[in-house]
Amino acid sequence: MLKDKNRLIVSLAFNKLADLLVSAKVTLPALLISLGAPGWMIMWLVPIRESGALLPQAFVGLYLRKRSARHNVWRVGLAVQISAVCSMLFAALLLDGITAGAVILAALILLSIGRSASSLTVKDIEANVSPKGERGRLVGLASTASGVMTLCAAVPLVYFEEQLEDYSLFILLICSVLAFGVALFSMFTIKTYVETDEFKDKSVFNWRFDNTVYRFIFVRGLFVNTALVAPYFMLESSQNAKSLLPYYLAVQALASMLSSFIWGAIADKSARYTLQLSGVLALLACVGLLSMQPDSLWLSATLFFILSIAHAGVRTGRKTYSLDIKDGQERTELVGFSNTAIGLILLGFGGFYALTSSLIDFSVVYIMTAIVTLAICTTLVLPKEK
């Protein structure tokens, strides 16, 4: 069991590393800007990335009612993500403008679908390998390790900024492919089976949840703004996107490295309190962006660092809450159903902000900040998970 836990940590760490390297908040906005893709494509990166990974999960959960072997679906999901990043690399090397943007968005949809399958099934693998009370720290340790590795990749990009500026995006995409490959290889021997007999006779779309699930969806739906606001830290900066990229990547990695294990330990005590505390930090970052309107590279990077710490807390809190509140196939279907609902909410918010930004003469970050404030307040409706 200890061997499996170590393999799981290594795989989660490299999977997280790959996600950070091909981040829709940092790497892909810089890539589209450098390729001359239109601005509206950049605004859709985070909604597509997040919603695409979430929308299919309810249906994957239903499919899994008759498939107890969760590791097989996880492996397919990783393979799909590797193919998607290879497609992005192809577009970055050979295309430009709106054509490159379209290919990258299509590849991002494919990446998100693969992420959907692997993200849902890895919850069962985590729960099988690690008992309650240890899962938050396990997720936190993997995130910390991925932060260290991402920082090791980002520091040379900062130090050799002038020499590597033209190649930095290609380096990040190649490293992402390699990281996904290591994640797949590391956990390939782990097998997880979930008892599904009691669910096999249920009608296909028969979801029945208690009130806790719908409260969780409501609160989590408001917290998606901590992810949606991230590209605006780069878009509203006067600095060149390629210049910001290594610094943003470095502070994002540093935030993950420094905070994830701490967030995991807090979440093992109370996932609800984790959401509250991380929400306050996200609020501070947004207020800082709006009040200071930073032109300084270092000030901009510092505010993004605070936001990254906050979002790491939001992710750890909501993951631990969903792991601990239900068990077995009930947990799988809770995660799948809630993730699909969040995917719809993300698309709704994405479309709302894309439309609103063209109609108002002030930043949509003001609206996001107000919703993050509301999200913090609504955590009070969540019942304790432990």
Protein backbone atom coordinates (compact mmCIF):
# COMPACT_ATOMS: atom_id res chain seq x y z
CA MET A 1 0.00 0.00 0.00
CA LEU A 2 2.90 2.32 0.77
CA LYS A 3 4.33 1.67 -2.68
CA ASP A 4 1.00 2.50 -4.28
CA LYS A 5 0.76 5.71 -2.23
CA ASN A 6 4.23 6.79 -3.39
CA ARG A 7 3.36 6.04 -6.99
CA LEU A 8 0.12 7.96 -6.63
CA ILE A 9 1.95 11.01 -5.22
CA VAL A 10 4.50 10.93 -8.08
CA SER A 11 1.76 10.60 -10.68
CA LEU A 12 -0.38 13.36 -9.18
CA ALA A 13 2.68 15.62 -8.95
CA PHE A 14 3.64 15.17 -12.61
CA ASN A 15 0.03 15.46 -13.71
CA LYS A 16 -0.23 18.75 -11.83
CA LEU A 17 3.11 19.83 -13.30
CA ALA A 18 1.80 19.20 -16.82
CA ASP A 19 -1.35 21.20 -16.02
CA LEU A 20 0.74 24.13 -14.75
CA LEU A 21 3.03 24.11 -17.78
CA VAL A 22 0.11 24.25 -20.23
CA SER A 23 -1.95 26.55 -18.00
CA ALA A 24 -4.95 28.28 -19.57
CA LYS A 25 -4.32 31.16 -17.16
CA VAL A 26 -0.66 31.80 -18.04
CA THR A 27 0.93 29.78 -20.85
CA LEU A 28 -1.94 29.64 -23.35
CA PRO A 29 -2.85 33.37 -23.11
CA ALA A 30 0.82 34.23 -23.78
CA LEU A 31 0.88 31.71 -26.65
CA LEU A 32 -2.23 33.14 -28.34
CA ILE A 33 -1.03 36.71 -27.86
CA SER A 34 2.36 35.86 -29.40
CA LEU A 35 0.68 34.11 -32.36
CA GLY A 36 -1.58 37.10 -33.05
CA ALA A 37 -4.87 35.36 -32.22
CA PRO A 38 -7.86 37.68 -31.61
CA GLY A 39 -8.62 38.83 -28.07
CA TRP A 40 -11.98 37.07 -27.84
CA MET A 41 -10.20 33.72 -28.15
CA ILE A 42 -8.02 34.54 -25.15
CA MET A 43 -11.10 35.34 -23.04
CA TRP A 44 -12.49 31.86 -23.75
CA LEU A 45 -9.39 29.92 -22.68
CA VAL A 46 -10.26 29.46 -19.00
CA PRO A 47 -14.00 28.78 -19.54
CA ILE A 48 -13.20 26.14 -22.18
CA ARG A 49 -10.42 24.57 -20.12
CA GLU A 50 -12.42 24.41 -16.91
CA SER A 51 -15.88 23.64 -18.30
CA GLY A 52 -14.58 21.12 -20.84
CA ALA A 53 -12.99 19.17 -18.01
CA LEU A 54 -16.22 19.27 -16.00
CA LEU A 55 -19.19 19.05 -18.37
CA PRO A 56 -18.80 15.38 -19.42
CA GLN A 57 -18.26 14.07 -15.89
CA ALA A 58 -21.89 13.33 -15.03
CA PHE A 59 -22.13 11.14 -18.13
CA VAL A 60 -18.77 9.52 -17.41
CA GLY A 61 -20.11 8.81 -13.92
CA LEU A 62 -23.15 7.09 -15.43
CA TYR A 63 -20.91 5.09 -17.77
CA LEU A 64 -18.89 3.96 -14.75
CA ARG A 65 -21.98 2.36 -13.16
CA LYS A 66 -21.17 -0.70 -15.25
CA ARG A 67 -17.39 -0.29 -15.24
CA SER A 68 -15.79 -1.05 -11.88
CA ALA A 69 -12.20 -0.82 -13.22
CA ARG A 70 -11.51 2.89 -12.77
CA HIS A 71 -7.82 2.72 -13.72
CA ASN A 72 -8.58 1.91 -17.38
CA VAL A 73 -10.62 5.09 -17.88
CA TRP A 74 -7.92 7.12 -16.11
CA ARG A 75 -5.26 5.81 -18.51
CA VAL A 76 -7.31 6.69 -21.58
CA GLY A 77 -7.82 10.21 -20.22
CA LEU A 78 -4.06 10.73 -19.83
CA ALA A 79 -3.40 9.47 -23.37
CA VAL A 80 -5.95 11.93 -24.78
CA GLN A 81 -4.30 14.83 -22.91
CA ILE A 82 -0.89 13.92 -24.35
CA SER A 83 -2.35 13.98 -27.89
CA ALA A 84 -3.96 17.37 -27.26
CA VAL A 85 -0.74 19.07 -26.11
CA CYS A 86 1.08 17.63 -29.14
CA SER A 87 -1.57 19.29 -31.33
CA MET A 88 -0.97 22.63 -29.60
CA LEU A 89 2.75 22.29 -30.23
CA PHE A 90 2.04 21.64 -33.91
CA ALA A 91 -0.10 24.79 -34.13
CA ALA A 92 2.52 26.90 -32.34
CA LEU A 93 5.26 25.74 -34.72
CA LEU A 94 3.43 25.92 -38.05
CA LEU A 95 0.46 28.31 -37.79
CA ASP A 96 -0.37 31.84 -36.70
CA GLY A 97 -3.27 34.26 -36.25
CA ILE A 98 -6.85 33.07 -36.04
CA THR A 99 -5.98 29.69 -37.60
CA ALA A 100 -3.48 28.90 -34.86
CA GLY A 101 -5.97 30.14 -32.27
CA ALA A 102 -8.72 27.88 -33.63
CA VAL A 103 -6.49 24.80 -33.59
CA ILE A 104 -5.29 25.54 -30.06
CA LEU A 105 -8.87 26.05 -28.80
CA ALA A 106 -9.91 22.77 -30.45
CA ALA A 107 -6.93 21.01 -28.85
CA LEU A 108 -7.87 22.60 -25.53
CA ILE A 109 -11.35 21.07 -25.82
CA LEU A 110 -9.72 17.66 -26.43
CA LEU A 111 -7.35 18.21 -23.50
CA SER A 112 -10.29 19.09 -21.27
CA ILE A 113 -12.26 15.98 -22.25
CA GLY A 114 -9.26 13.80 -21.40
CA ARG A 115 -8.90 15.68 -18.15
CA SER A 116 -12.56 15.02 -17.43
CA ALA A 117 -12.15 11.24 -17.55
CA SER A 118 -8.92 11.13 -15.58
CA SER A 119 -10.00 13.71 -12.97
CA LEU A 120 -13.19 11.82 -12.11
CA THR A 121 -11.60 8.37 -11.88
CA VAL A 122 -8.49 9.49 -9.98
CA LYS A 123 -10.77 10.41 -7.05
CA ASP A 124 -11.62 6.72 -6.64
CA ILE A 125 -7.94 5.78 -6.95
CA GLU A 126 -7.00 8.36 -4.29
CA ALA A 127 -9.77 7.16 -1.97
CA ASN A 128 -8.71 3.52 -2.45
CA VAL A 129 -5.03 4.19 -1.73
CA SER A 130 -5.42 6.78 1.07
CA PRO A 131 -7.92 6.80 3.98
CA LYS A 132 -9.93 9.78 5.25
CA GLY A 133 -7.88 12.27 7.22
CA GLU A 134 -4.86 11.80 4.92
CA ARG A 135 -6.28 12.71 1.51
CA GLY A 136 -5.92 16.46 1.84
CA ARG A 137 -2.24 16.11 2.78
CA LEU A 138 -1.70 13.67 -0.08
CA VAL A 139 -3.16 16.14 -2.60
CA GLY A 140 -1.21 18.95 -0.96
CA LEU A 141 2.09 17.03 -1.06
CA ALA A 142 1.64 16.25 -4.76
CA SER A 143 0.84 19.90 -5.50
CA THR A 144 3.89 21.04 -3.52
CA ALA A 145 6.13 18.66 -5.47
CA SER A 146 4.69 19.87 -8.78
CA GLY A 147 5.29 23.45 -7.66
CA VAL A 148 8.96 22.69 -6.99
CA MET A 149 9.35 21.11 -10.43
CA THR A 150 7.52 23.94 -12.18
CA LEU A 151 9.72 26.45 -10.38
CA CYS A 152 12.78 24.54 -11.59
CA ALA A 153 11.45 24.90 -15.14
CA ALA A 154 10.51 28.59 -14.74
CA VAL A 155 13.72 29.87 -13.12
CA PRO A 156 15.90 29.25 -16.21
CA LEU A 157 13.28 31.03 -18.32
CA VAL A 158 13.60 34.06 -16.05
CA TYR A 159 17.39 33.90 -15.78
CA PHE A 160 17.94 33.40 -19.53
CA GLU A 161 14.94 35.50 -20.52
CA GLU A 162 16.55 37.23 -23.51
CA GLN A 163 18.13 34.08 -24.94
CA LEU A 164 15.08 31.84 -24.49
CA GLU A 165 12.21 34.28 -25.05
CA ASP A 166 11.54 33.02 -28.59
CA TYR A 167 11.59 29.39 -27.49
CA SER A 168 10.06 29.50 -24.01
CA LEU A 169 6.54 28.56 -25.11
CA PHE A 170 7.76 25.57 -27.13
CA ILE A 171 9.88 24.40 -24.20
CA LEU A 172 6.88 24.55 -21.87
CA LEU A 173 4.66 22.56 -24.24
CA ILE A 174 7.31 19.86 -24.75
CA CYS A 175 7.89 19.59 -20.99
CA SER A 176 4.13 19.29 -20.48
CA VAL A 177 3.97 16.29 -22.84
CA LEU A 178 6.86 14.63 -20.99
CA ALA A 179 5.22 15.30 -17.60
CA PHE A 180 1.94 13.71 -18.71
CA GLY A 181 3.95 10.70 -19.91
CA VAL A 182 5.65 10.29 -16.53
CA ALA A 183 2.27 10.60 -14.75
CA LEU A 184 0.84 7.82 -16.91
CA PHE A 185 3.85 5.54 -16.44
CA SER A 186 4.12 6.09 -12.66
CA MET A 187 0.59 4.95 -11.85
CA PHE A 188 0.19 2.37 -14.60
CA THR A 189 0.51 -0.57 -12.18
CA ILE A 190 -2.14 0.72 -9.74
CA LYS A 191 -5.53 -0.89 -10.22
CA THR A 192 -8.73 0.30 -8.56
CA TYR A 193 -12.11 -1.44 -8.61
CA VAL A 194 -15.30 0.09 -7.18
CA GLU A 195 -18.38 -1.94 -6.26
CA THR A 196 -21.16 -0.94 -8.68
CA ASP A 197 -23.73 -3.78 -8.42
CA GLU A 198 -26.35 -1.68 -6.61
CA PHE A 199 -26.22 0.96 -9.38
CA LYS A 200 -26.40 -1.31 -12.45
CA ASP A 201 -30.19 -1.54 -12.45
CA LYS A 202 -30.80 2.19 -12.09
CA SER A 203 -32.24 4.10 -15.04
CA VAL A 204 -29.63 5.93 -17.09
CA PHE A 205 -30.35 9.45 -15.91
CA ASN A 206 -31.50 8.67 -12.38
CA TRP A 207 -29.58 11.06 -10.14
CA ARG A 208 -30.74 11.34 -6.55
CA PHE A 209 -28.79 13.50 -4.14
CA ASP A 210 -29.47 15.10 -0.81
CA ASN A 211 -29.54 18.83 -0.22
CA THR A 212 -25.83 18.92 0.63
CA VAL A 213 -24.86 18.26 -2.99
CA TYR A 214 -26.90 21.19 -4.31
CA ARG A 215 -25.49 23.52 -1.67
CA PHE A 216 -21.98 22.40 -2.63
CA ILE A 217 -22.67 23.08 -6.32
CA PHE A 218 -24.02 26.55 -5.53
CA VAL A 219 -21.03 27.55 -3.40
CA ARG A 220 -18.47 26.01 -5.75
CA GLY A 221 -20.18 27.69 -8.71
CA LEU A 222 -19.50 31.09 -7.21
CA PHE A 223 -15.86 30.20 -6.46
CA VAL A 224 -15.09 29.54 -10.15
CA ASN A 225 -14.44 33.27 -10.39
CA THR A 226 -11.07 32.75 -8.68
CA ALA A 227 -10.04 30.89 -11.86
CA LEU A 228 -11.85 33.08 -14.38
CA VAL A 229 -10.18 36.26 -13.12
CA ALA A 230 -6.62 34.94 -13.64
CA PRO A 231 -6.08 35.91 -17.35
CA TYR A 232 -7.15 39.48 -16.58
CA PHE A 233 -4.02 39.92 -14.47
CA MET A 234 -2.03 39.49 -17.69
CA LEU A 235 -4.49 41.20 -20.04
CA GLU A 236 -4.72 44.35 -17.91
CA SER A 237 -0.95 44.67 -17.49
CA SER A 238 1.08 47.07 -19.63
CA GLN A 239 3.92 44.51 -19.76
CA ASN A 240 4.61 42.31 -22.79
CA ALA A 241 2.96 38.88 -22.45
CA LYS A 242 6.15 36.97 -23.20
CA SER A 243 7.99 39.02 -20.59
CA LEU A 244 5.32 38.27 -18.00
CA LEU A 245 5.11 34.55 -18.82
CA PRO A 246 8.20 33.24 -16.95
CA TYR A 247 7.48 35.41 -13.91
CA TYR A 248 3.82 34.43 -13.74
CA LEU A 249 4.74 30.78 -14.22
CA ALA A 250 7.38 31.04 -11.49
CA VAL A 251 5.07 32.69 -8.94
CA GLN A 252 2.28 30.24 -9.77
CA ALA A 253 4.69 27.37 -9.11
CA LEU A 254 6.02 29.04 -5.97
CA ALA A 255 2.48 29.53 -4.69
CA SER A 256 1.69 25.86 -5.26
CA MET A 257 4.94 24.77 -3.65
CA LEU A 258 4.58 26.92 -0.54
CA SER A 259 0.87 26.63 0.11
CA SER A 260 -0.51 23.31 -1.14
CA PHE A 261 0.68 21.12 1.73
CA ILE A 262 -0.54 23.72 4.23
CA TRP A 263 -3.89 23.92 2.47
CA GLY A 264 -4.07 20.12 2.55
CA ALA A 265 -3.46 20.03 6.30
CA ILE A 266 -6.13 22.70 6.86
CA ALA A 267 -8.57 20.83 4.60
CA ASP A 268 -8.07 17.63 6.61
CA LYS A 269 -9.37 19.61 9.60
CA SER A 270 -12.10 21.50 7.70
CA ALA A 271 -12.52 21.80 3.94
CA ARG A 272 -15.19 24.45 4.50
CA TYR A 273 -12.80 26.69 6.43
CA THR A 274 -10.23 26.17 3.65
CA LEU A 275 -12.68 27.63 1.14
CA GLN A 276 -13.39 30.61 3.38
CA LEU A 277 -9.74 31.46 3.99
CA SER A 278 -8.68 31.02 0.36
CA GLY A 279 -11.64 33.11 -0.77
CA VAL A 280 -10.48 36.01 1.39
CA LEU A 281 -7.00 35.84 -0.21
CA ALA A 282 -8.52 35.83 -3.71
CA LEU A 283 -10.57 38.87 -2.74
CA LEU A 284 -7.41 40.69 -1.60
CA ALA A 285 -5.67 39.94 -4.91
CA CYS A 286 -8.62 41.27 -6.94
CA VAL A 287 -8.90 44.41 -4.82
CA GLY A 288 -5.16 44.94 -5.26
CA LEU A 289 -5.44 44.65 -9.05
CA LEU A 290 -8.32 47.12 -9.17
CA SER A 291 -6.91 49.67 -6.73
CA MET A 292 -3.25 49.65 -7.77
CA GLN A 293 -3.62 48.94 -11.52
CA PRO A 294 -0.02 47.70 -11.51
CA ASP A 295 2.33 48.72 -14.32
CA SER A 296 5.33 47.31 -12.44
CA LEU A 297 6.21 43.74 -13.42
CA TRP A 298 7.02 42.84 -9.82
CA LEU A 299 3.81 44.26 -8.40
CA SER A 300 1.77 42.48 -11.05
CA ALA A 301 3.59 39.20 -10.31
CA THR A 302 3.06 39.65 -6.55
CA LEU A 303 -0.69 40.09 -6.95
CA PHE A 304 -0.82 37.03 -9.23
CA PHE A 305 1.15 35.13 -6.58
CA ILE A 306 -1.52 35.93 -3.96
CA LEU A 307 -4.27 34.87 -6.39
CA SER A 308 -2.43 31.62 -7.12
CA ILE A 309 -2.15 30.81 -3.41
CA ALA A 310 -5.86 31.50 -3.06
CA HIS A 311 -6.85 29.33 -6.01
CA ALA A 312 -4.68 26.46 -4.70
CA GLY A 313 -6.69 26.68 -1.49
CA VAL A 314 -10.01 26.71 -3.34
CA ARG A 315 -9.02 23.61 -5.34
CA THR A 316 -7.78 21.72 -2.28
CA GLY A 317 -10.83 22.67 -0.24
CA ARG A 318 -13.44 21.65 -2.78
CA LYS A 319 -11.55 18.42 -3.71
CA THR A 320 -11.25 17.35 -0.08
CA TYR A 321 -14.90 18.24 0.60
CA SER A 322 -16.08 16.08 -2.31
CA LEU A 323 -13.81 13.19 -1.24
CA ASP A 324 -15.03 13.19 2.36
CA ILE A 325 -18.73 13.96 2.09
CA LYS A 326 -19.67 10.70 0.25
CA ASP A 327 -18.21 7.22 -0.37
CA GLY A 328 -17.83 4.73 -3.25
CA GLN A 329 -20.04 5.08 -6.34
CA GLU A 330 -22.05 7.77 -4.53
CA ARG A 331 -18.88 9.87 -4.38
CA THR A 332 -18.18 9.19 -8.08
CA GLU A 333 -21.65 10.33 -9.09
CA LEU A 334 -21.59 13.33 -6.75
CA VAL A 335 -18.28 14.48 -8.25
CA GLY A 336 -19.47 13.79 -11.80
CA PHE A 337 -22.84 15.52 -11.42
CA SER A 338 -21.44 18.53 -9.57
CA ASN A 339 -18.59 18.92 -12.05
CA THR A 340 -20.99 18.88 -14.99
CA ALA A 341 -23.11 21.53 -13.27
CA ILE A 342 -19.99 23.62 -12.63
CA GLY A 343 -19.03 23.25 -16.30
CA LEU A 344 -22.36 24.80 -17.30
CA ILE A 345 -21.87 27.57 -14.74
CA LEU A 346 -18.38 28.27 -16.12
CA LEU A 347 -19.71 28.57 -19.66
CA GLY A 348 -22.46 30.85 -18.40
CA PHE A 349 -20.01 33.10 -16.57
CA GLY A 350 -17.60 33.03 -19.55
CA GLY A 351 -20.30 34.12 -21.98
CA PHE A 352 -21.59 36.72 -19.53
CA TYR A 353 -18.15 38.29 -19.07
CA ALA A 354 -17.34 38.18 -22.80
CA LEU A 355 -20.60 40.01 -23.55
CA THR A 356 -20.43 42.38 -20.58
CA SER A 357 -16.85 43.50 -21.29
CA SER A 358 -17.97 44.94 -24.63
CA LEU A 359 -20.91 46.82 -23.09
CA ILE A 360 -19.40 48.44 -19.99
CA ASP A 361 -16.67 51.05 -19.64
CA PHE A 362 -15.09 49.53 -16.51
CA SER A 363 -13.29 46.26 -15.85
CA VAL A 364 -15.33 43.08 -15.38
CA VAL A 365 -12.92 42.30 -12.53
CA TYR A 366 -15.17 44.54 -10.39
CA ILE A 367 -18.06 42.14 -10.99
CA MET A 368 -15.85 39.10 -10.31
CA THR A 369 -14.67 40.64 -7.05
CA ALA A 370 -18.26 41.11 -5.89
CA ILE A 371 -19.09 37.48 -6.70
CA VAL A 372 -16.01 36.19 -4.83
CA THR A 373 -17.24 38.18 -1.81
CA LEU A 374 -20.63 36.48 -2.12
CA ALA A 375 -18.92 33.07 -2.44
CA ILE A 376 -17.13 33.55 0.87
CA CYS A 377 -20.42 34.34 2.61
CA THR A 378 -22.26 31.36 1.13
CA THR A 379 -19.77 28.81 2.55
CA LEU A 380 -21.81 29.14 5.75
CA VAL A 381 -24.59 27.07 4.12
CA LEU A 382 -22.27 24.05 3.71
CA PRO A 383 -22.63 21.35 6.38
CA LYS A 384 -19.44 20.06 8.02
CA GLU A 385 -17.94 17.18 6.05
CA LYS A 386 -16.15 15.50 8.99
